[in-house]
N, C-alpha and C. Protein backbone atom coordinates (compact mmCIF):
# COMPACT_ATOMS: atom_id res chain seq x y z
N UNK A 1 -3.90 56.76 55.36
CA UNK A 1 -4.02 55.39 54.76
C UNK A 1 -3.74 54.04 53.83
N UNK A 2 -4.30 54.51 52.54
CA UNK A 2 -3.69 53.60 51.90
C UNK A 2 -3.32 54.74 51.01
N UNK A 3 -2.40 54.47 50.03
CA UNK A 3 -1.38 55.09 49.03
C UNK A 3 -2.33 55.15 48.13
N UNK A 4 -1.90 56.17 46.92
CA UNK A 4 -3.11 56.00 45.44
C UNK A 4 -2.94 55.05 44.85
N UNK A 5 -4.54 54.29 44.21
CA UNK A 5 -5.09 53.39 43.68
C UNK A 5 -4.70 53.88 42.12
N UNK A 6 -3.61 52.86 41.76
CA UNK A 6 -3.18 53.18 40.45
C UNK A 6 -4.36 52.06 39.42
N UNK A 7 -4.69 52.12 38.16
CA UNK A 7 -5.26 51.62 37.31
C UNK A 7 -4.75 50.93 36.68
N UNK A 8 -4.75 49.05 36.43
CA UNK A 8 -3.85 48.68 35.54
C UNK A 8 -4.60 48.08 35.12
N UNK A 9 -4.38 46.53 34.23
CA UNK A 9 -5.31 45.67 33.01
C UNK A 9 -5.86 44.93 34.42
N UNK A 10 -5.33 44.59 35.79
CA UNK A 10 -5.88 43.70 37.16
C UNK A 10 -6.12 43.89 37.71
N UNK A 11 -7.12 45.86 37.77
CA UNK A 11 -6.71 46.13 39.51
C UNK A 11 -7.81 47.13 39.24
N UNK A 12 -8.82 47.19 40.19
CA UNK A 12 -9.87 48.21 40.02
C UNK A 12 -10.31 49.97 40.37
N UNK A 13 -10.42 50.00 39.46
CA UNK A 13 -10.54 52.00 39.92
C UNK A 13 -10.51 51.95 41.57
N UNK A 14 -10.73 52.55 41.62
CA UNK A 14 -11.27 53.44 42.79
C UNK A 14 -13.07 54.03 42.78
N UNK A 15 -13.60 52.88 43.56
CA UNK A 15 -15.14 53.28 42.80
C UNK A 15 -15.47 53.31 42.07
N UNK A 16 -14.83 52.32 41.57
CA UNK A 16 -15.63 51.54 40.02
C UNK A 16 -16.50 50.28 40.27
N UNK A 17 -17.44 49.96 40.39
CA UNK A 17 -18.25 49.50 40.34
C UNK A 17 -18.40 47.99 39.08
N UNK A 18 -18.63 46.17 39.39
CA UNK A 18 -18.02 45.52 38.43
C UNK A 18 -17.16 45.02 38.73
N UNK A 19 -17.37 44.35 37.96
CA UNK A 19 -15.95 42.60 37.97
C UNK A 19 -14.60 43.00 36.99
N UNK A 20 -14.04 42.98 37.54
CA UNK A 20 -12.76 43.20 37.08
C UNK A 20 -12.32 42.87 35.55
N UNK A 21 -11.50 43.88 35.36
CA UNK A 21 -11.35 43.08 33.18
C UNK A 21 -10.60 41.68 33.70
N UNK A 22 -11.12 40.90 32.52
CA UNK A 22 -10.57 39.96 32.12
C UNK A 22 -9.53 40.33 31.91
N UNK A 23 -8.26 38.85 32.03
CA UNK A 23 -7.31 38.81 31.87
C UNK A 23 -6.66 37.30 30.77
N UNK A 24 -6.54 37.58 30.01
CA UNK A 24 -6.22 36.67 28.91
C UNK A 24 -4.80 35.38 29.86
N UNK A 25 -4.86 34.02 30.77
CA UNK A 25 -3.66 32.97 30.71
C UNK A 25 -3.22 32.42 30.28
N UNK A 26 -1.95 31.59 29.43
CA UNK A 26 -1.62 31.10 28.58
C UNK A 26 -1.28 30.05 29.12
N UNK A 27 -0.22 29.37 28.85
CA UNK A 27 0.67 28.11 28.99
C UNK A 27 1.68 28.94 27.98
N UNK A 28 2.86 28.49 28.99
CA UNK A 28 4.10 28.84 27.58
C UNK A 28 3.94 27.55 26.54
N UNK A 29 3.72 26.71 26.47
CA UNK A 29 3.75 25.81 26.23
C UNK A 29 2.99 25.73 24.34
N UNK A 30 2.04 26.52 25.03
CA UNK A 30 0.95 26.50 23.62
C UNK A 30 1.15 26.91 22.45
N UNK A 31 2.19 28.19 23.05
CA UNK A 31 3.19 28.94 21.72
C UNK A 31 4.19 28.19 20.94
N UNK A 32 4.32 27.38 21.50
CA UNK A 32 5.44 25.56 21.44
C UNK A 32 5.02 25.33 20.55
N UNK A 33 6.14 25.55 18.76
CA UNK A 33 6.16 24.53 17.54
C UNK A 33 5.81 23.24 18.22
N UNK A 34 4.45 22.37 17.30
CA UNK A 34 3.65 21.36 17.49
C UNK A 34 4.45 20.15 16.79
N UNK A 35 5.10 19.11 17.75
CA UNK A 35 5.60 18.43 16.65
C UNK A 35 4.64 17.37 15.89
N UNK A 36 4.61 17.22 14.94
CA UNK A 36 3.99 16.00 13.89
C UNK A 36 4.78 14.39 14.33
N UNK A 37 3.65 13.72 13.37
CA UNK A 37 3.88 12.40 13.55
C UNK A 37 6.03 12.22 12.76
N UNK A 38 6.72 11.47 13.30
CA UNK A 38 7.41 11.25 11.71
C UNK A 38 6.95 10.79 10.78
N UNK A 39 7.81 11.58 9.43
CA UNK A 39 7.14 10.58 8.41
C UNK A 39 7.40 8.72 8.40
N UNK A 40 6.30 8.87 7.84
CA UNK A 40 6.10 6.64 7.57
C UNK A 40 7.89 6.27 6.21
N UNK A 41 8.04 7.50 6.23
CA UNK A 41 10.00 6.38 4.94
C UNK A 41 10.35 6.57 5.93
N UNK A 42 10.40 7.90 7.40
CA UNK A 42 11.99 7.59 7.92
C UNK A 42 11.40 6.24 8.81
N UNK A 43 10.42 5.56 9.55
CA UNK A 43 10.29 4.62 9.79
C UNK A 43 10.52 3.55 9.20
N UNK A 44 10.76 3.29 8.06
CA UNK A 44 10.74 2.42 7.20
C UNK A 44 12.28 2.19 7.22
N UNK A 45 12.85 3.53 6.68
CA UNK A 45 14.64 3.86 7.02
C UNK A 45 14.77 3.17 8.26
N UNK A 46 14.33 3.28 9.65
CA UNK A 46 15.51 3.16 11.00
C UNK A 46 14.86 1.86 10.84
N UNK A 47 14.00 1.07 10.16
CA UNK A 47 13.36 -0.02 10.95
C UNK A 47 12.79 -0.11 11.81
N UNK A 48 11.40 0.97 12.17
CA UNK A 48 11.64 0.42 13.44
C UNK A 48 9.91 -0.44 12.97
N UNK A 49 9.71 -0.96 14.24
CA UNK A 49 8.81 -2.16 14.49
C UNK A 49 7.43 -1.28 13.15
N UNK A 50 7.17 0.04 13.35
CA UNK A 50 5.78 0.38 12.84
C UNK A 50 6.94 0.24 10.77
N UNK A 51 7.98 0.96 10.93
CA UNK A 51 8.57 0.11 9.41
C UNK A 51 8.87 -1.45 8.98
N UNK A 52 9.20 -2.25 9.88
CA UNK A 52 8.88 -3.71 9.46
C UNK A 52 7.92 -3.67 9.04
N UNK A 53 6.62 -3.67 9.64
CA UNK A 53 5.19 -4.07 9.29
C UNK A 53 4.71 -3.34 8.32
N UNK A 54 5.08 -1.85 7.39
CA UNK A 54 4.51 -1.79 6.69
C UNK A 54 6.04 -2.57 5.39
N UNK A 55 6.65 -3.07 5.68
CA UNK A 55 7.45 -3.97 4.62
C UNK A 55 7.21 -5.27 3.97
N UNK A 56 6.89 -5.49 5.53
CA UNK A 56 6.42 -6.82 6.03
C UNK A 56 4.92 -7.46 4.73
N UNK A 57 4.18 -6.18 4.69
CA UNK A 57 2.80 -5.73 4.71
C UNK A 57 2.92 -6.32 2.64
N UNK A 58 3.82 -5.17 2.36
CA UNK A 58 4.46 -4.78 0.90
C UNK A 58 5.32 -5.95 0.31
N UNK A 59 5.98 -7.16 1.00
CA UNK A 59 6.70 -8.41 1.18
C UNK A 59 5.37 -9.36 0.89
N UNK A 60 4.39 -9.48 1.90
CA UNK A 60 3.35 -10.03 1.92
C UNK A 60 2.73 -10.84 0.02
N UNK A 61 2.65 -9.47 -0.10
CA UNK A 61 1.28 -8.54 -0.94
C UNK A 61 1.87 -9.67 -2.55
N UNK A 62 3.53 -9.76 -2.45
CA UNK A 62 4.68 -9.87 -3.56
C UNK A 62 4.97 -11.05 -3.77
N UNK A 63 4.38 -11.85 -2.93
CA UNK A 63 4.63 -13.22 -2.30
C UNK A 63 3.29 -14.07 -2.87
N UNK A 64 1.91 -13.75 -2.19
CA UNK A 64 1.02 -13.89 -2.63
C UNK A 64 0.82 -13.81 -4.68
N UNK A 65 1.32 -12.52 -4.96
CA UNK A 65 1.52 -12.79 -6.58
C UNK A 65 1.55 -13.19 -6.90
N UNK A 66 3.15 -13.59 -5.84
CA UNK A 66 3.49 -14.81 -7.27
C UNK A 66 3.30 -16.37 -6.85
N UNK A 67 3.16 -16.39 -5.46
CA UNK A 67 2.67 -17.69 -5.46
C UNK A 67 1.83 -18.12 -6.36
N UNK A 68 0.60 -16.97 -6.96
CA UNK A 68 -0.82 -17.05 -7.76
C UNK A 68 -0.46 -17.50 -9.13
N UNK A 69 1.04 -16.78 -9.73
CA UNK A 69 1.56 -17.26 -11.17
C UNK A 69 2.03 -17.85 -11.31
N UNK A 70 3.12 -18.58 -10.10
CA UNK A 70 3.28 -19.81 -10.07
C UNK A 70 2.11 -21.31 -10.20
N UNK A 71 1.28 -20.97 -9.20
CA UNK A 71 -0.06 -22.38 -8.89
C UNK A 71 -0.27 -22.60 -10.70
N UNK A 72 -0.76 -20.94 -11.15
CA UNK A 72 -1.21 -21.19 -12.80
C UNK A 72 0.14 -22.09 -13.50
N UNK A 73 1.02 -21.76 -13.45
CA UNK A 73 1.60 -22.27 -14.48
C UNK A 73 2.16 -24.17 -14.47
N UNK A 74 2.52 -24.03 -12.68
CA UNK A 74 2.22 -25.31 -12.87
C UNK A 74 1.14 -26.14 -13.10
N UNK A 75 -0.31 -25.60 -13.04
CA UNK A 75 -1.53 -26.53 -13.08
C UNK A 75 -1.23 -26.51 -15.21
N UNK A 76 -1.09 -25.65 -14.89
CA UNK A 76 -1.33 -25.47 -17.33
C UNK A 76 0.46 -26.64 -17.38
N UNK A 77 0.92 -26.38 -16.45
CA UNK A 77 1.98 -27.40 -17.71
C UNK A 77 1.89 -28.79 -16.66
N UNK A 78 1.07 -28.94 -15.05
CA UNK A 78 0.98 -30.59 -14.54
C UNK A 78 -0.90 -31.04 -15.72
N UNK A 79 -1.09 -29.68 -15.93
CA UNK A 79 -2.44 -30.22 -16.85
C UNK A 79 -2.38 -31.19 -18.04
N UNK A 80 -1.15 -31.01 -19.04
CA UNK A 80 -0.79 -31.64 -20.67
C UNK A 80 -1.21 -33.07 -19.61
N UNK A 81 -0.14 -33.89 -19.16
CA UNK A 81 0.19 -34.92 -19.49
C UNK A 81 -1.61 -35.84 -18.42
N UNK A 82 -2.13 -34.70 -17.53
CA UNK A 82 -3.43 -34.87 -17.17
C UNK A 82 -4.39 -35.49 -18.33
N UNK A 83 -4.60 -34.40 -19.22
CA UNK A 83 -4.87 -33.88 -20.96
C UNK A 83 -4.47 -35.77 -21.62
N UNK A 84 -3.75 -36.06 -21.94
CA UNK A 84 -3.34 -36.67 -22.37
C UNK A 84 -4.00 -38.23 -21.29
N UNK A 85 -3.57 -38.25 -20.62
CA UNK A 85 -4.00 -39.24 -19.87
C UNK A 85 -5.70 -39.94 -20.18
N UNK A 86 -6.68 -38.22 -19.75
CA UNK A 86 -7.66 -38.58 -19.41
C UNK A 86 -8.52 -38.21 -21.13
N UNK A 87 -7.62 -38.15 -22.04
CA UNK A 87 -8.51 -38.36 -23.48
C UNK A 87 -7.44 -38.86 -24.12
N UNK A 88 -6.76 -40.63 -24.65
CA UNK A 88 -5.39 -41.14 -25.26
C UNK A 88 -5.77 -40.81 -26.97
N UNK A 89 -7.64 -39.82 -27.73
CA UNK A 89 -7.09 -39.99 -28.55
C UNK A 89 -6.28 -38.86 -28.45
N UNK A 90 -6.39 -38.03 -28.09
CA UNK A 90 -4.83 -36.64 -28.06
C UNK A 90 -3.88 -36.76 -28.69
N UNK A 91 -3.19 -37.95 -28.00
CA UNK A 91 -2.12 -38.58 -28.75
C UNK A 91 -1.98 -38.16 -29.65
N UNK A 92 -2.71 -38.96 -30.22
CA UNK A 92 -2.62 -39.22 -31.96
C UNK A 92 -2.76 -38.00 -33.26
N UNK A 93 -3.52 -37.25 -31.85
CA UNK A 93 -3.76 -36.36 -33.09
C UNK A 93 -2.64 -35.37 -33.72
N UNK A 94 -2.51 -34.52 -34.40
CA UNK A 94 -1.22 -34.14 -35.26
C UNK A 94 -2.07 -33.10 -36.02
N UNK A 95 -2.37 -32.15 -36.16
CA UNK A 95 -2.42 -31.02 -36.73
C UNK A 95 -1.36 -30.28 -37.76
N UNK A 96 -1.19 -30.05 -39.18
CA UNK A 96 -0.12 -29.67 -39.63
C UNK A 96 0.74 -30.77 -39.49
N UNK A 97 0.27 -32.06 -39.04
CA UNK A 97 1.59 -32.81 -39.09
C UNK A 97 2.89 -32.60 -37.92
N UNK A 98 2.15 -32.14 -36.68
CA UNK A 98 3.66 -32.22 -35.98
C UNK A 98 2.14 -31.99 -34.90
N UNK A 99 2.45 -33.14 -34.02
CA UNK A 99 1.77 -33.46 -32.70
C UNK A 99 1.45 -33.17 -31.70
N UNK A 100 0.00 -32.81 -30.86
CA UNK A 100 -0.28 -31.97 -30.48
C UNK A 100 0.23 -31.50 -29.18
N UNK A 101 0.74 -32.22 -29.25
CA UNK A 101 1.61 -32.48 -27.39
C UNK A 101 3.00 -31.30 -27.93
N UNK A 102 3.13 -31.22 -29.70
CA UNK A 102 4.67 -30.24 -29.27
C UNK A 102 3.33 -29.14 -29.64
N UNK A 103 2.98 -28.67 -29.68
CA UNK A 103 2.09 -27.64 -30.72
C UNK A 103 1.09 -26.85 -29.22
N UNK A 104 1.12 -27.67 -28.20
CA UNK A 104 0.12 -26.80 -27.28
C UNK A 104 2.17 -26.73 -26.57
N UNK A 105 3.00 -27.57 -26.00
CA UNK A 105 4.13 -26.88 -25.73
C UNK A 105 4.76 -25.89 -26.48
N UNK A 106 5.43 -25.91 -27.01
CA UNK A 106 5.63 -25.00 -28.49
C UNK A 106 4.68 -24.05 -28.56
N UNK A 107 4.45 -24.27 -28.65
CA UNK A 107 2.63 -22.74 -29.51
C UNK A 107 1.94 -22.81 -29.04
N UNK A 108 1.90 -22.91 -27.17
CA UNK A 108 0.66 -22.12 -26.48
C UNK A 108 2.01 -21.74 -24.98
N UNK A 109 2.54 -22.85 -24.68
CA UNK A 109 2.85 -22.21 -23.49
C UNK A 109 3.92 -21.26 -23.41
N UNK A 110 4.94 -21.43 -24.43
CA UNK A 110 5.00 -19.77 -24.53
C UNK A 110 5.40 -18.10 -24.31
N UNK A 111 3.84 -18.61 -25.03
CA UNK A 111 2.93 -17.33 -25.01
C UNK A 111 1.97 -16.77 -23.77
N UNK A 112 2.06 -17.88 -23.27
CA UNK A 112 0.70 -18.30 -21.54
C UNK A 112 2.52 -17.62 -20.69
N UNK A 113 3.20 -18.17 -21.02
CA UNK A 113 4.08 -18.22 -19.66
C UNK A 113 4.27 -15.72 -20.03
N UNK A 114 4.51 -15.59 -21.57
CA UNK A 114 4.84 -14.35 -21.55
C UNK A 114 3.66 -13.62 -21.48
N UNK A 115 2.89 -14.08 -21.50
CA UNK A 115 1.55 -13.23 -20.69
C UNK A 115 1.52 -13.65 -19.29
N UNK A 116 1.39 -14.10 -18.79
CA UNK A 116 1.70 -14.45 -16.88
C UNK A 116 2.47 -13.96 -16.61
N UNK A 117 4.08 -13.79 -17.50
CA UNK A 117 4.96 -12.36 -16.36
C UNK A 117 4.30 -11.03 -16.63
N UNK A 118 4.09 -10.86 -17.87
CA UNK A 118 3.10 -9.55 -18.50
C UNK A 118 2.24 -9.14 -17.10
N UNK A 119 1.19 -10.20 -17.17
CA UNK A 119 0.64 -9.84 -15.98
C UNK A 119 1.61 -9.44 -14.50
N UNK A 120 2.22 -10.82 -14.03
CA UNK A 120 3.04 -10.09 -12.88
C UNK A 120 3.35 -9.12 -12.56
N UNK A 121 4.42 -8.90 -13.58
CA UNK A 121 4.80 -7.41 -13.76
C UNK A 121 3.67 -6.51 -13.42
N UNK A 122 2.62 -6.08 -13.97
CA UNK A 122 1.75 -5.12 -14.18
C UNK A 122 1.05 -5.35 -12.68
N UNK A 123 1.00 -6.00 -11.82
CA UNK A 123 0.05 -6.90 -10.36
C UNK A 123 1.31 -5.76 -10.06
N UNK A 124 2.79 -6.53 -9.50
CA UNK A 124 3.49 -6.20 -8.94
C UNK A 124 4.88 -5.05 -8.36
N UNK A 125 4.03 -4.04 -10.40
CA UNK A 125 4.19 -2.63 -10.14
C UNK A 125 2.94 -2.12 -9.37
N UNK A 126 1.64 -1.80 -9.30
CA UNK A 126 0.75 -1.42 -8.76
C UNK A 126 0.56 -1.90 -7.00
N UNK A 127 1.10 -3.18 -6.76
CA UNK A 127 1.34 -3.42 -5.33
C UNK A 127 2.56 -2.36 -5.00
N UNK A 128 3.72 -1.77 -5.23
CA UNK A 128 4.68 -1.04 -5.45
C UNK A 128 4.14 0.30 -5.53
N UNK A 129 3.07 0.54 -6.25
CA UNK A 129 2.69 2.18 -6.44
C UNK A 129 1.66 2.34 -5.38
N UNK A 130 0.36 1.15 -4.73
CA UNK A 130 -0.73 1.64 -4.05
C UNK A 130 0.69 2.11 -2.25
N UNK A 131 2.27 0.86 -1.94
CA UNK A 131 2.76 0.86 -1.04
C UNK A 131 3.41 2.28 -1.11
N UNK A 132 3.84 2.60 -2.17
CA UNK A 132 4.35 3.81 -1.94
C UNK A 132 3.75 4.89 -1.90
N UNK A 133 2.19 5.36 -2.29
CA UNK A 133 1.23 6.22 -2.01
C UNK A 133 1.22 6.24 -0.29
N UNK A 134 0.77 5.15 0.54
CA UNK A 134 -0.09 4.31 1.48
C UNK A 134 1.12 5.39 2.34
N UNK A 135 2.78 5.44 2.03
CA UNK A 135 3.99 5.67 2.26
C UNK A 135 3.85 7.14 2.77
N UNK A 136 3.37 7.53 1.20
CA UNK A 136 3.51 9.07 1.05
C UNK A 136 2.62 9.87 1.97
N UNK A 137 1.12 8.77 2.27
CA UNK A 137 -0.34 9.62 1.90
C UNK A 137 -0.87 10.04 0.51
N UNK A 138 0.07 9.67 -0.67
CA UNK A 138 -0.73 10.56 -1.26
C UNK A 138 -2.03 9.03 -2.36
N UNK A 139 -3.03 10.13 -2.64
CA UNK A 139 -3.99 8.67 -3.50
C UNK A 139 -3.51 8.18 -4.04
N UNK A 140 -3.78 6.88 -4.67
CA UNK A 140 -2.46 5.87 -4.98
C UNK A 140 -3.76 6.63 -6.85
N UNK A 141 -3.76 5.99 -8.11
CA UNK A 141 -4.21 6.23 -9.30
C UNK A 141 -6.46 6.12 -9.72
N UNK A 142 -6.64 6.38 -9.35
CA UNK A 142 -8.22 5.61 -9.24
C UNK A 142 -8.44 4.93 -10.44
N UNK A 143 -7.49 5.16 -11.47
CA UNK A 143 -8.35 4.14 -13.24
C UNK A 143 -6.99 3.09 -13.39
N UNK A 144 -6.19 2.82 -11.75
CA UNK A 144 -5.84 2.00 -12.18
C UNK A 144 -6.38 0.32 -11.32
N UNK A 145 -6.81 0.63 -10.96
CA UNK A 145 -7.75 -0.21 -10.23
C UNK A 145 -8.50 -1.59 -10.63
N UNK A 146 -7.85 -2.19 -9.64
CA UNK A 146 -8.30 -4.01 -11.23
C UNK A 146 -9.57 -4.47 -9.36
N UNK A 147 -10.71 -4.25 -10.39
CA UNK A 147 -11.69 -4.71 -9.64
C UNK A 147 -12.07 -5.79 -8.73
N UNK A 148 -10.87 -7.23 -9.45
CA UNK A 148 -11.47 -8.08 -8.69
C UNK A 148 -9.56 -8.19 -7.48
N UNK A 149 -9.21 -7.18 -7.49
CA UNK A 149 -8.06 -6.77 -6.35
C UNK A 149 -9.34 -6.57 -5.01
């Protein structure tokens, strides 16, 4: 009638009861290495749409910061003529024999500009650190966060 029955992984023995043994079936792609998403630095270097969006966000943040510093400087300098127009007596005040306008321009404006420059550089560097952390996936330093930002 038939040949001998061989026992194998997918065959039943002659006379054995029950279901056949299980066989694991896998796809050949299951063992292929998974491709990870390209790093954001490559997106920026290759100037893809995503890289351009990241760079645009950094440039916008830096531009907003520069506009803020310039607006404060213009308001401070532009406020002096308004101060002297609103208070005519301030034009005649001369502490230490020097007119108040000269003291404010020479004595207060330059230190204010230096302080504004220091503040700008500090925040611009923080923007760049945050951008680098975003690009590399690292966590930015928690101790350097400005609560007003």
